[in-house]
Amino acid sequence: MIQTVQQSLLIIAVIAFGTLLTRALPFILFPDSNKTPAYILYLGKTLPFAAIGLLIVYCLKNVFPLAAPYGIPEAIAIGAIVLLHLKLNNTLLSIGGGTVLYMLLVQLAFG
C-alpha cells in the first residue's frame, strides 16, 4: 500500500498531537497549585517496578531451558546487568551494557 503525501502528513500530525497531549496532560490535570492525589503518588512509586517486571517476563518468554542454547546468553546478560547496576548504580549503563553483551553473545558465541 503506497501512501500519498497528504496521508503521510496526516499521520505525522496525529502522532505529533498525541505526543503533545501525553506530555501536557499531567500538567493540565495536576497543576502545581493543587496537591497531587495519593493514588498518583502511589502509582509513581510502584509502576516503574511493575514495568521492569513486565519487560523481564517479555524478554524471557521465548527462552527454552531444555533446548540449546538453554537460556545461557540470557542468564549471562541478566547477571551482567545486575552486576553493572550494583557496581555503577546507573540504569542506562546497566541496561545498555547488558544489551550489548547479549547481542554479542547471540551473534558471536551462541549464534
PDB file of N, CA and C in Angstrom:
ATOM      1  N   MET A   1       0.844  -1.176   0.000  1.00  0.00           N
ATOM      2  CA  MET A   1       0.000   0.000   0.000  1.00  0.00           C
ATOM      3  C   MET A   1       0.892   1.242   0.000  1.00  0.00           C
ATOM      4  N   ILE A   2       0.720   2.070  -0.967  1.00  0.00           N
ATOM      5  CA  ILE A   2       1.506   3.292  -1.086  1.00  0.00           C
ATOM      6  C   ILE A   2       0.699   4.447  -0.504  1.00  0.00           C
ATOM      7  N   GLN A   3       1.361   5.245   0.338  1.00  0.00           N
ATOM      8  CA  GLN A   3       0.697   6.393   0.943  1.00  0.00           C
ATOM      9  C   GLN A   3       0.960   7.645   0.123  1.00  0.00           C
ATOM     10  N   THR A   4      -0.026   8.501   0.097  1.00  0.00           N
ATOM     11  CA  THR A   4       0.168   9.788  -0.554  1.00  0.00           C
ATOM     12  C   THR A   4       0.864  10.725   0.423  1.00  0.00           C
ATOM     13  N   VAL A   5       1.311  11.850  -0.084  1.00  0.00           N
ATOM     14  CA  VAL A   5       1.964  12.854   0.757  1.00  0.00           C
ATOM     15  C   VAL A   5       0.989  13.361   1.812  1.00  0.00           C
ATOM     16  N   GLN A   6      -0.262  13.552   1.443  1.00  0.00           N
ATOM     17  CA  GLN A   6      -1.267  14.033   2.391  1.00  0.00           C
ATOM     18  C   GLN A   6      -1.494  13.025   3.523  1.00  0.00           C
ATOM     19  N   GLN A   7      -1.542  11.751   3.182  1.00  0.00           N
ATOM     20  CA  GLN A   7      -1.713  10.722   4.204  1.00  0.00           C
ATOM     21  C   GLN A   7      -0.520  10.695   5.158  1.00  0.00           C
ATOM     22  N   SER A   8       0.672  10.814   4.614  1.00  0.00           N
ATOM     23  CA  SER A   8       1.874  10.829   5.444  1.00  0.00           C
ATOM     24  C   SER A   8       1.880  12.029   6.377  1.00  0.00           C
ATOM     25  N   LEU A   9       1.509  13.200   5.862  1.00  0.00           N
ATOM     26  CA  LEU A   9       1.454  14.400   6.699  1.00  0.00           C
ATOM     27  C   LEU A   9       0.391  14.276   7.778  1.00  0.00           C
ATOM     28  N   LEU A  10      -0.745  13.673   7.441  1.00  0.00           N
ATOM     29  CA  LEU A  10      -1.798  13.467   8.428  1.00  0.00           C
ATOM     30  C   LEU A  10      -1.327  12.527   9.538  1.00  0.00           C
ATOM     31  N   ILE A  11      -0.646  11.469   9.182  1.00  0.00           N
ATOM     32  CA  ILE A  11      -0.109  10.543  10.177  1.00  0.00           C
ATOM     33  C   ILE A  11       0.878  11.255  11.087  1.00  0.00           C
ATOM     34  N   ILE A  12       1.764  12.037  10.516  1.00  0.00           N
ATOM     35  CA  ILE A  12       2.738  12.785  11.311  1.00  0.00           C
ATOM     36  C   ILE A  12       2.041  13.769  12.237  1.00  0.00           C
ATOM     37  N   ALA A  13       1.013  14.450  11.738  1.00  0.00           N
ATOM     38  CA  ALA A  13       0.275  15.421  12.563  1.00  0.00           C
ATOM     39  C   ALA A  13      -0.438  14.731  13.727  1.00  0.00           C
ATOM     40  N   VAL A  14      -1.048  13.585  13.482  1.00  0.00           N
ATOM     41  CA  VAL A  14      -1.748  12.855  14.542  1.00  0.00           C
ATOM     42  C   VAL A  14      -0.759  12.371  15.593  1.00  0.00           C
ATOM     43  N   ILE A  15       0.372  11.853  15.170  1.00  0.00           N
ATOM     44  CA  ILE A  15       1.393  11.392  16.114  1.00  0.00           C
ATOM     45  C   ILE A  15       1.939  12.564  16.919  1.00  0.00           C
ATOM     46  N   ALA A  16       2.192  13.684  16.266  1.00  0.00           N
ATOM     47  CA  ALA A  16       2.690  14.870  16.971  1.00  0.00           C
ATOM     48  C   ALA A  16       1.671  15.365  17.996  1.00  0.00           C
ATOM     49  N   PHE A  17       0.396  15.385  17.622  1.00  0.00           N
ATOM     50  CA  PHE A  17      -0.646  15.817  18.551  1.00  0.00           C
ATOM     51  C   PHE A  17      -0.745  14.861  19.739  1.00  0.00           C
ATOM     52  N   GLY A  18      -0.684  13.565  19.468  1.00  0.00           N
ATOM     53  CA  GLY A  18      -0.729  12.575  20.546  1.00  0.00           C
ATOM     54  C   GLY A  18       0.444  12.723  21.496  1.00  0.00           C
ATOM     55  N   THR A  19       1.624  12.974  20.959  1.00  0.00           N
ATOM     56  CA  THR A  19       2.805  13.188  21.792  1.00  0.00           C
ATOM     57  C   THR A  19       2.653  14.449  22.630  1.00  0.00           C
ATOM     58  N   LEU A  20       2.202  15.525  22.014  1.00  0.00           N
ATOM     59  CA  LEU A  20       1.992  16.781  22.738  1.00  0.00           C
ATOM     60  C   LEU A  20       0.965  16.591  23.849  1.00  0.00           C
ATOM     61  N   LEU A  21      -0.114  15.885  23.541  1.00  0.00           N
ATOM     62  CA  LEU A  21      -1.168  15.655  24.528  1.00  0.00           C
ATOM     63  C   LEU A  21      -0.647  14.848  25.717  1.00  0.00           C
ATOM     64  N   THR A  22       0.092  13.775  25.454  1.00  0.00           N
ATOM     65  CA  THR A  22       0.592  12.956  26.559  1.00  0.00           C
ATOM     66  C   THR A  22       1.630  13.696  27.387  1.00  0.00           C
ATOM     67  N   ARG A  23       2.349  14.639  26.783  1.00  0.00           N
ATOM     68  CA  ARG A  23       3.324  15.436  27.541  1.00  0.00           C
ATOM     69  C   ARG A  23       2.655  16.518  28.361  1.00  0.00           C
ATOM     70  N   ALA A  24       1.591  17.109  27.856  1.00  0.00           N
ATOM     71  CA  ALA A  24       0.952  18.243  28.531  1.00  0.00           C
ATOM     72  C   ALA A  24      -0.126  17.824  29.523  1.00  0.00           C
ATOM     73  N   LEU A  25      -0.743  16.673  29.302  1.00  0.00           N
ATOM     74  CA  LEU A  25      -1.870  16.260  30.127  1.00  0.00           C
ATOM     75  C   LEU A  25      -1.573  16.211  31.629  1.00  0.00           C
ATOM     76  N   PRO A  26      -0.443  15.672  32.075  1.00  0.00           N
ATOM     77  CA  PRO A  26      -0.181  15.670  33.519  1.00  0.00           C
ATOM     78  C   PRO A  26      -0.137  17.078  34.117  1.00  0.00           C
ATOM     79  N   PHE A  27       0.392  18.036  33.396  1.00  0.00           N
ATOM     80  CA  PHE A  27       0.463  19.410  33.898  1.00  0.00           C
ATOM     81  C   PHE A  27      -0.918  20.069  33.920  1.00  0.00           C
ATOM     82  N   ILE A  28      -1.776  19.655  33.000  1.00  0.00           N
ATOM     83  CA  ILE A  28      -3.138  20.190  32.970  1.00  0.00           C
ATOM     84  C   ILE A  28      -3.971  19.571  34.094  1.00  0.00           C
ATOM     85  N   LEU A  29      -3.848  18.253  34.270  1.00  0.00           N
ATOM     86  CA  LEU A  29      -4.647  17.565  35.280  1.00  0.00           C
ATOM     87  C   LEU A  29      -4.175  17.823  36.708  1.00  0.00           C
ATOM     88  N   PHE A  30      -2.860  18.002  36.881  1.00  0.00           N
ATOM     89  CA  PHE A  30      -2.294  18.169  38.218  1.00  0.00           C
ATOM     90  C   PHE A  30      -1.417  19.420  38.267  1.00  0.00           C
ATOM     91  N   PRO A  31      -2.029  20.595  38.293  1.00  0.00           N
ATOM     92  CA  PRO A  31      -1.231  21.829  38.354  1.00  0.00           C
ATOM     93  C   PRO A  31      -0.515  21.939  39.702  1.00  0.00           C
ATOM     94  N   ASP A  32       0.535  22.767  39.735  1.00  0.00           N
ATOM     95  CA  ASP A  32       1.324  22.934  40.951  1.00  0.00           C
ATOM     96  C   ASP A  32       0.502  23.495  42.109  1.00  0.00           C
ATOM     97  N   SER A  33      -0.553  24.209  41.797  1.00  0.00           N
ATOM     98  CA  SER A  33      -1.360  24.823  42.853  1.00  0.00           C
ATOM     99  C   SER A  33      -2.176  23.797  43.638  1.00  0.00           C
ATOM    100  N   ASN A  34      -2.428  22.630  43.048  1.00  0.00           N
ATOM    101  CA  ASN A  34      -3.196  21.587  43.731  1.00  0.00           C
ATOM    102  C   ASN A  34      -2.257  20.516  44.278  1.00  0.00           C
ATOM    103  N   LYS A  35      -2.682  19.865  45.352  1.00  0.00           N
ATOM    104  CA  LYS A  35      -1.915  18.760  45.915  1.00  0.00           C
ATOM    105  C   LYS A  35      -2.126  17.522  45.041  1.00  0.00           C
ATOM    106  N   THR A  36      -1.045  16.797  44.770  1.00  0.00           N
ATOM    107  CA  THR A  36      -1.127  15.591  43.955  1.00  0.00           C
ATOM    108  C   THR A  36      -1.887  14.516  44.735  1.00  0.00           C
ATOM    109  N   PRO A  37      -2.878  13.874  44.102  1.00  0.00           N
ATOM    110  CA  PRO A  37      -3.637  12.831  44.803  1.00  0.00           C
ATOM    111  C   PRO A  37      -2.741  11.675  45.248  1.00  0.00           C
ATOM    112  N   ALA A  38      -3.130  11.045  46.349  1.00  0.00           N
ATOM    113  CA  ALA A  38      -2.328   9.961  46.932  1.00  0.00           C
ATOM    114  C   ALA A  38      -2.172   8.788  45.970  1.00  0.00           C
ATOM    115  N   TYR A  39      -3.217   8.470  45.205  1.00  0.00           N
ATOM    116  CA  TYR A  39      -3.117   7.328  44.301  1.00  0.00           C
ATOM    117  C   TYR A  39      -2.126   7.585  43.166  1.00  0.00           C
ATOM    118  N   ILE A  40      -1.966   8.827  42.764  1.00  0.00           N
ATOM    119  CA  ILE A  40      -0.977   9.159  41.732  1.00  0.00           C
ATOM    120  C   ILE A  40       0.431   9.004  42.300  1.00  0.00           C
ATOM    121  N   LEU A  41       0.633   9.431  43.526  1.00  0.00           N
ATOM    122  CA  LEU A  41       1.933   9.247  44.178  1.00  0.00           C
ATOM    123  C   LEU A  41       2.244   7.759  44.342  1.00  0.00           C
ATOM    124  N   TYR A  42       1.218   6.975  44.695  1.00  0.00           N
ATOM    125  CA  TYR A  42       1.400   5.529  44.821  1.00  0.00           C
ATOM    126  C   TYR A  42       1.798   4.913  43.481  1.00  0.00           C
ATOM    127  N   LEU A  43       1.088   5.293  42.423  1.00  0.00           N
ATOM    128  CA  LEU A  43       1.417   4.772  41.096  1.00  0.00           C
ATOM    129  C   LEU A  43       2.822   5.164  40.675  1.00  0.00           C
ATOM    130  N   GLY A  44       3.226   6.386  41.020  1.00  0.00           N
ATOM    131  CA  GLY A  44       4.570   6.839  40.689  1.00  0.00           C
ATOM    132  C   GLY A  44       5.652   6.028  41.375  1.00  0.00           C
ATOM    133  N   LYS A  45       5.333   5.483  42.538  1.00  0.00           N
ATOM    134  CA  LYS A  45       6.307   4.662  43.267  1.00  0.00           C
ATOM    135  C   LYS A  45       6.313   3.214  42.805  1.00  0.00           C
ATOM    136  N   THR A  46       5.165   2.686  42.409  1.00  0.00           N
ATOM    137  CA  THR A  46       5.071   1.258  42.103  1.00  0.00           C
ATOM    138  C   THR A  46       5.175   0.907  40.619  1.00  0.00           C
ATOM    139  N   LEU A  47       4.737   1.777  39.729  1.00  0.00           N
ATOM    140  CA  LEU A  47       4.727   1.433  38.307  1.00  0.00           C
ATOM    141  C   LEU A  47       6.108   1.189  37.693  1.00  0.00           C
ATOM    142  N   PRO A  48       7.152   1.919  38.092  1.00  0.00           N
ATOM    143  CA  PRO A  48       8.455   1.599  37.494  1.00  0.00           C
ATOM    144  C   PRO A  48       8.883   0.150  37.743  1.00  0.00           C
ATOM    145  N   PHE A  49       8.639  -0.362  38.949  1.00  0.00           N
ATOM    146  CA  PHE A  49       8.996  -1.748  39.247  1.00  0.00           C
ATOM    147  C   PHE A  49       8.121  -2.719  38.464  1.00  0.00           C
ATOM    148  N   ALA A  50       6.850  -2.395  38.318  1.00  0.00           N
ATOM    149  CA  ALA A  50       5.950  -3.240  37.536  1.00  0.00           C
ATOM    150  C   ALA A  50       6.371  -3.263  36.064  1.00  0.00           C
ATOM    151  N   ALA A  51       6.799  -2.120  35.556  1.00  0.00           N
ATOM    152  CA  ALA A  51       7.234  -2.051  34.154  1.00  0.00           C
ATOM    153  C   ALA A  51       8.498  -2.886  33.940  1.00  0.00           C
ATOM    154  N   ILE A  52       9.432  -2.817  34.866  1.00  0.00           N
ATOM    155  CA  ILE A  52      10.653  -3.629  34.753  1.00  0.00           C
ATOM    156  C   ILE A  52      10.301  -5.112  34.815  1.00  0.00           C
ATOM    157  N   GLY A  53       9.406  -5.482  35.731  1.00  0.00           N
ATOM    158  CA  GLY A  53       8.975  -6.878  35.808  1.00  0.00           C
ATOM    159  C   GLY A  53       8.327  -7.343  34.517  1.00  0.00           C
ATOM    160  N   LEU A  54       7.492  -6.502  33.937  1.00  0.00           N
ATOM    161  CA  LEU A  54       6.848  -6.824  32.666  1.00  0.00           C
ATOM    162  C   LEU A  54       7.883  -7.002  31.553  1.00  0.00           C
ATOM    163  N   LEU A  55       8.880  -6.136  31.517  1.00  0.00           N
ATOM    164  CA  LEU A  55       9.926  -6.247  30.500  1.00  0.00           C
ATOM    165  C   LEU A  55      10.736  -7.525  30.665  1.00  0.00           C
ATOM    166  N   ILE A  56      11.015  -7.917  31.906  1.00  0.00           N
ATOM    167  CA  ILE A  56      11.762  -9.154  32.141  1.00  0.00           C
ATOM    168  C   ILE A  56      10.962 -10.352  31.644  1.00  0.00           C
ATOM    169  N   VAL A  57       9.680 -10.398  31.987  1.00  0.00           N
ATOM    170  CA  VAL A  57       8.836 -11.505  31.528  1.00  0.00           C
ATOM    171  C   VAL A  57       8.777 -11.523  30.001  1.00  0.00           C
ATOM    172  N   TYR A  58       8.612 -10.363  29.384  1.00  0.00           N
ATOM    173  CA  TYR A  58       8.536 -10.285  27.922  1.00  0.00           C
ATOM    174  C   TYR A  58       9.840 -10.757  27.280  1.00  0.00           C
ATOM    175  N   CYS A  59      10.972 -10.353  27.841  1.00  0.00           N
ATOM    176  CA  CYS A  59      12.264 -10.718  27.261  1.00  0.00           C
ATOM    177  C   CYS A  59      12.569 -12.207  27.411  1.00  0.00           C
ATOM    178  N   LEU A  60      12.030 -12.826  28.445  1.00  0.00           N
ATOM    179  CA  LEU A  60      12.347 -14.236  28.694  1.00  0.00           C
ATOM    180  C   LEU A  60      11.247 -15.187  28.246  1.00  0.00           C
ATOM    181  N   LYS A  61      10.213 -14.686  27.581  1.00  0.00           N
ATOM    182  CA  LYS A  61       9.071 -15.538  27.230  1.00  0.00           C
ATOM    183  C   LYS A  61       9.403 -16.617  26.206  1.00  0.00           C
ATOM    184  N   ASN A  62      10.400 -16.403  25.377  1.00  0.00           N
ATOM    185  CA  ASN A  62      10.747 -17.390  24.347  1.00  0.00           C
ATOM    186  C   ASN A  62      12.026 -18.152  24.667  1.00  0.00           C
ATOM    187  N   VAL A  63      12.439 -18.139  25.916  1.00  0.00           N
ATOM    188  CA  VAL A  63      13.633 -18.875  26.326  1.00  0.00           C
ATOM    189  C   VAL A  63      13.210 -20.277  26.737  1.00  0.00           C
ATOM    190  N   PHE A  64      13.836 -21.268  26.147  1.00  0.00           N
ATOM    191  CA  PHE A  64      13.524 -22.664  26.450  1.00  0.00           C
ATOM    192  C   PHE A  64      14.735 -23.309  27.110  1.00  0.00           C
ATOM    193  N   PRO A  65      14.694 -23.519  28.428  1.00  0.00           N
ATOM    194  CA  PRO A  65      15.859 -24.050  29.136  1.00  0.00           C
ATOM    195  C   PRO A  65      16.212 -25.487  28.765  1.00  0.00           C
ATOM    196  N   LEU A  66      15.320 -26.196  28.082  1.00  0.00           N
ATOM    197  CA  LEU A  66      15.600 -27.585  27.701  1.00  0.00           C
ATOM    198  C   LEU A  66      16.103 -27.719  26.271  1.00  0.00           C
ATOM    199  N   ALA A  67      16.265 -26.596  25.581  1.00  0.00           N
ATOM    200  CA  ALA A  67      16.755 -26.613  24.200  1.00  0.00           C
ATOM    201  C   ALA A  67      17.925 -25.634  24.078  1.00  0.00           C
ATOM    202  N   ALA A  68      18.877 -26.004  23.229  1.00  0.00           N
ATOM    203  CA  ALA A  68      20.056 -25.154  23.032  1.00  0.00           C
ATOM    204  C   ALA A  68      19.620 -23.775  22.593  1.00  0.00           C
ATOM    205  N   PRO A  69      20.242 -22.734  23.051  1.00  0.00           N
ATOM    206  CA  PRO A  69      21.400 -22.610  23.960  1.00  0.00           C
ATOM    207  C   PRO A  69      21.033 -22.579  25.441  1.00  0.00           C
ATOM    208  N   TYR A  70      19.869 -23.122  25.805  1.00  0.00           N
ATOM    209  CA  TYR A  70      19.471 -23.346  27.205  1.00  0.00           C
ATOM    210  C   TYR A  70      19.323 -22.069  28.026  1.00  0.00           C
ATOM    211  N   GLY A  71      19.147 -20.937  27.381  1.00  0.00           N
ATOM    212  CA  GLY A  71      18.984 -19.685  28.112  1.00  0.00           C
ATOM    213  C   GLY A  71      20.286 -19.129  28.663  1.00  0.00           C
ATOM    214  N   ILE A  72      21.400 -19.679  28.213  1.00  0.00           N
ATOM    215  CA  ILE A  72      22.707 -19.236  28.731  1.00  0.00           C
ATOM    216  C   ILE A  72      22.997 -17.782  28.376  1.00  0.00           C
ATOM    217  N   PRO A  73      22.790 -17.330  27.121  1.00  0.00           N
ATOM    218  CA  PRO A  73      23.074 -15.915  26.835  1.00  0.00           C
ATOM    219  C   PRO A  73      22.201 -14.965  27.656  1.00  0.00           C
ATOM    220  N   GLU A  74      20.955 -15.340  27.846  1.00  0.00           N
ATOM    221  CA  GLU A  74      20.053 -14.505  28.638  1.00  0.00           C
ATOM    222  C   GLU A  74      20.501 -14.443  30.094  1.00  0.00           C
ATOM    223  N   ALA A  75      20.896 -15.599  30.646  1.00  0.00           N
ATOM    224  CA  ALA A  75      21.347 -15.641  32.037  1.00  0.00           C
ATOM    225  C   ALA A  75      22.622 -14.823  32.229  1.00  0.00           C
ATOM    226  N   ILE A  76      23.544 -14.918  31.284  1.00  0.00           N
ATOM    227  CA  ILE A  76      24.783 -14.137  31.371  1.00  0.00           C
ATOM    228  C   ILE A  76      24.479 -12.645  31.295  1.00  0.00           C
ATOM    229  N   ALA A  77      23.605 -12.255  30.370  1.00  0.00           N
ATOM    230  CA  ALA A  77      23.260 -10.839  30.215  1.00  0.00           C
ATOM    231  C   ALA A  77      22.551 -10.310  31.455  1.00  0.00           C
ATOM    232  N   ILE A  78      21.631 -11.094  32.025  1.00  0.00           N
ATOM    233  CA  ILE A  78      20.935 -10.658  33.239  1.00  0.00           C
ATOM    234  C   ILE A  78      21.927 -10.509  34.385  1.00  0.00           C
ATOM    235  N   GLY A  79      22.832 -11.468  34.510  1.00  0.00           N
ATOM    236  CA  GLY A  79      23.867 -11.364  35.546  1.00  0.00           C
ATOM    237  C   GLY A  79      24.728 -10.123  35.364  1.00  0.00           C
ATOM    238  N   ALA A  80      25.083  -9.833  34.118  1.00  0.00           N
ATOM    239  CA  ALA A  80      25.890  -8.638  33.844  1.00  0.00           C
ATOM    240  C   ALA A  80      25.124  -7.371  34.190  1.00  0.00           C
ATOM    241  N   ILE A  81      23.834  -7.338  33.879  1.00  0.00           N
ATOM    242  CA  ILE A  81      23.008  -6.165  34.204  1.00  0.00           C
ATOM    243  C   ILE A  81      22.963  -5.952  35.713  1.00  0.00           C
ATOM    244  N   VAL A  82      22.756  -7.023  36.455  1.00  0.00           N
ATOM    245  CA  VAL A  82      22.702  -6.913  37.917  1.00  0.00           C
ATOM    246  C   VAL A  82      24.042  -6.445  38.465  1.00  0.00           C
ATOM    247  N   LEU A  83      25.129  -7.045  38.001  1.00  0.00           N
ATOM    248  CA  LEU A  83      26.461  -6.648  38.489  1.00  0.00           C
ATOM    249  C   LEU A  83      26.793  -5.202  38.123  1.00  0.00           C
ATOM    250  N   LEU A  84      26.503  -4.819  36.880  1.00  0.00           N
ATOM    251  CA  LEU A  84      26.759  -3.437  36.472  1.00  0.00           C
ATOM    252  C   LEU A  84      25.952  -2.450  37.306  1.00  0.00           C
ATOM    253  N   HIS A  85      24.697  -2.816  37.576  1.00  0.00           N
ATOM    254  CA  HIS A  85      23.869  -1.888  38.341  1.00  0.00           C
ATOM    255  C   HIS A  85      24.335  -1.799  39.795  1.00  0.00           C
ATOM    256  N   LEU A  86      24.736  -2.914  40.364  1.00  0.00           N
ATOM    257  CA  LEU A  86      25.246  -2.870  41.736  1.00  0.00           C
ATOM    258  C   LEU A  86      26.552  -2.088  41.820  1.00  0.00           C
ATOM    259  N   LYS A  87      27.376  -2.213  40.803  1.00  0.00           N
ATOM    260  CA  LYS A  87      28.678  -1.533  40.806  1.00  0.00           C
ATOM    261  C   LYS A  87      28.551  -0.056  40.456  1.00  0.00           C
ATOM    262  N   LEU A  88      27.794   0.274  39.396  1.00  0.00           N
ATOM    263  CA  LEU A  88      27.744   1.645  38.880  1.00  0.00           C
ATOM    264  C   LEU A  88      26.511   2.429  39.324  1.00  0.00           C
ATOM    265  N   ASN A  89      25.446   1.714  39.691  1.00  0.00           N
ATOM    266  CA  ASN A  89      24.185   2.338  40.086  1.00  0.00           C
ATOM    267  C   ASN A  89      23.668   3.316  39.020  1.00  0.00           C
ATOM    268  N   ASN A  90      23.795   2.901  37.762  1.00  0.00           N
ATOM    269  CA  ASN A  90      23.348   3.706  36.639  1.00  0.00           C
ATOM    270  C   ASN A  90      22.493   2.824  35.733  1.00  0.00           C
ATOM    271  N   THR A  91      21.198   3.080  35.714  1.00  0.00           N
ATOM    272  CA  THR A  91      20.266   2.234  34.969  1.00  0.00           C
ATOM    273  C   THR A  91      20.583   2.197  33.484  1.00  0.00           C
ATOM    274  N   LEU A  92      20.879   3.347  32.905  1.00  0.00           N
ATOM    275  CA  LEU A  92      21.158   3.409  31.469  1.00  0.00           C
ATOM    276  C   LEU A  92      22.383   2.577  31.104  1.00  0.00           C
ATOM    277  N   LEU A  93      23.456   2.716  31.873  1.00  0.00           N
ATOM    278  CA  LEU A  93      24.659   1.932  31.591  1.00  0.00           C
ATOM    279  C   LEU A  93      24.435   0.444  31.841  1.00  0.00           C
ATOM    280  N   SER A  94      23.667   0.115  32.861  1.00  0.00           N
ATOM    281  CA  SER A  94      23.401  -1.290  33.165  1.00  0.00           C
ATOM    282  C   SER A  94      22.626  -1.956  32.036  1.00  0.00           C
ATOM    283  N   ILE A  95      21.532  -1.339  31.630  1.00  0.00           N
ATOM    284  CA  ILE A  95      20.708  -1.926  30.572  1.00  0.00           C
ATOM    285  C   ILE A  95      21.450  -1.899  29.240  1.00  0.00           C
ATOM    286  N   GLY A  96      22.127  -0.795  28.942  1.00  0.00           N
ATOM    287  CA  GLY A  96      22.887  -0.708  27.696  1.00  0.00           C
ATOM    288  C   GLY A  96      24.002  -1.730  27.636  1.00  0.00           C
ATOM    289  N   GLY A  97      24.743  -1.861  28.719  1.00  0.00           N
ATOM    290  CA  GLY A  97      25.833  -2.843  28.759  1.00  0.00           C
ATOM    291  C   GLY A  97      25.320  -4.264  28.634  1.00  0.00           C
ATOM    292  N   GLY A  98      24.229  -4.573  29.331  1.00  0.00           N
ATOM    293  CA  GLY A  98      23.649  -5.904  29.230  1.00  0.00           C
ATOM    294  C   GLY A  98      23.120  -6.205  27.837  1.00  0.00           C
ATOM    295  N   THR A  99      22.541  -5.205  27.202  1.00  0.00           N
ATOM    296  CA  THR A  99      22.024  -5.386  25.843  1.00  0.00           C
ATOM    297  C   THR A  99      23.161  -5.636  24.861  1.00  0.00           C
ATOM    298  N   VAL A 100      24.217  -4.847  24.964  1.00  0.00           N
ATOM    299  CA  VAL A 100      25.376  -5.038  24.077  1.00  0.00           C
ATOM    300  C   VAL A 100      25.977  -6.419  24.299  1.00  0.00           C
ATOM    301  N   LEU A 101      26.151  -6.811  25.561  1.00  0.00           N
ATOM    302  CA  LEU A 101      26.703  -8.132  25.863  1.00  0.00           C
ATOM    303  C   LEU A 101      25.815  -9.231  25.289  1.00  0.00           C
ATOM    304  N   TYR A 102      24.505  -9.115  25.484  1.00  0.00           N
ATOM    305  CA  TYR A 102      23.584 -10.130  24.969  1.00  0.00           C
ATOM    306  C   TYR A 102      23.684 -10.234  23.447  1.00  0.00           C
ATOM    307  N   MET A 103      23.704  -9.089  22.772  1.00  0.00           N
ATOM    308  CA  MET A 103      23.786  -9.114  21.307  1.00  0.00           C
ATOM    309  C   MET A 103      25.099  -9.741  20.843  1.00  0.00           C
ATOM    310  N   LEU A 104      26.190  -9.431  21.515  1.00  0.00           N
ATOM    311  CA  LEU A 104      27.468 -10.061  21.168  1.00  0.00           C
ATOM    312  C   LEU A 104      27.421 -11.571  21.390  1.00  0.00           C
ATOM    313  N   LEU A 105      26.821 -11.979  22.497  1.00  0.00           N
ATOM    314  CA  LEU A 105      26.726 -13.416  22.786  1.00  0.00           C
ATOM    315  C   LEU A 105      25.901 -14.161  21.733  1.00  0.00           C
ATOM    316  N   VAL A 106      24.735 -13.630  21.374  1.00  0.00           N
ATOM    317  CA  VAL A 106      23.885 -14.368  20.418  1.00  0.00           C
ATOM    318  C   VAL A 106      24.428 -14.271  18.988  1.00  0.00           C
ATOM    319  N   GLN A 107      25.184 -13.216  18.684  1.00  0.00           N
ATOM    320  CA  GLN A 107      25.736 -13.093  17.329  1.00  0.00           C
ATOM    321  C   GLN A 107      27.047 -13.865  17.161  1.00  0.00           C
ATOM    322  N   LEU A 108      27.894 -13.849  18.192  1.00  0.00           N
ATOM    323  CA  LEU A 108      29.230 -14.407  18.043  1.00  0.00           C
ATOM    324  C   LEU A 108      29.418 -15.760  18.737  1.00  0.00           C
ATOM    325  N   ALA A 109      28.902 -15.926  19.928  1.00  0.00           N
ATOM    326  CA  ALA A 109      29.181 -17.132  20.688  1.00  0.00           C
ATOM    327  C   ALA A 109      28.097 -18.205  20.558  1.00  0.00           C
ATOM    328  N   PHE A 110      26.832 -17.798  20.542  1.00  0.00           N
ATOM    329  CA  PHE A 110      25.749 -18.773  20.540  1.00  0.00           C
ATOM    330  C   PHE A 110      24.944 -18.750  19.239  1.00  0.00           C
ATOM    331  N   GLY A 111      25.370 -18.015  18.249  1.00  0.00           N
ATOM    332  CA  GLY A 111      24.611 -17.868  17.009  1.00  0.00           C
ATOM    333  C   GLY A 111      24.918 -18.920  16.051  1.00  0.00           C
TER     334      GLY A 111
END
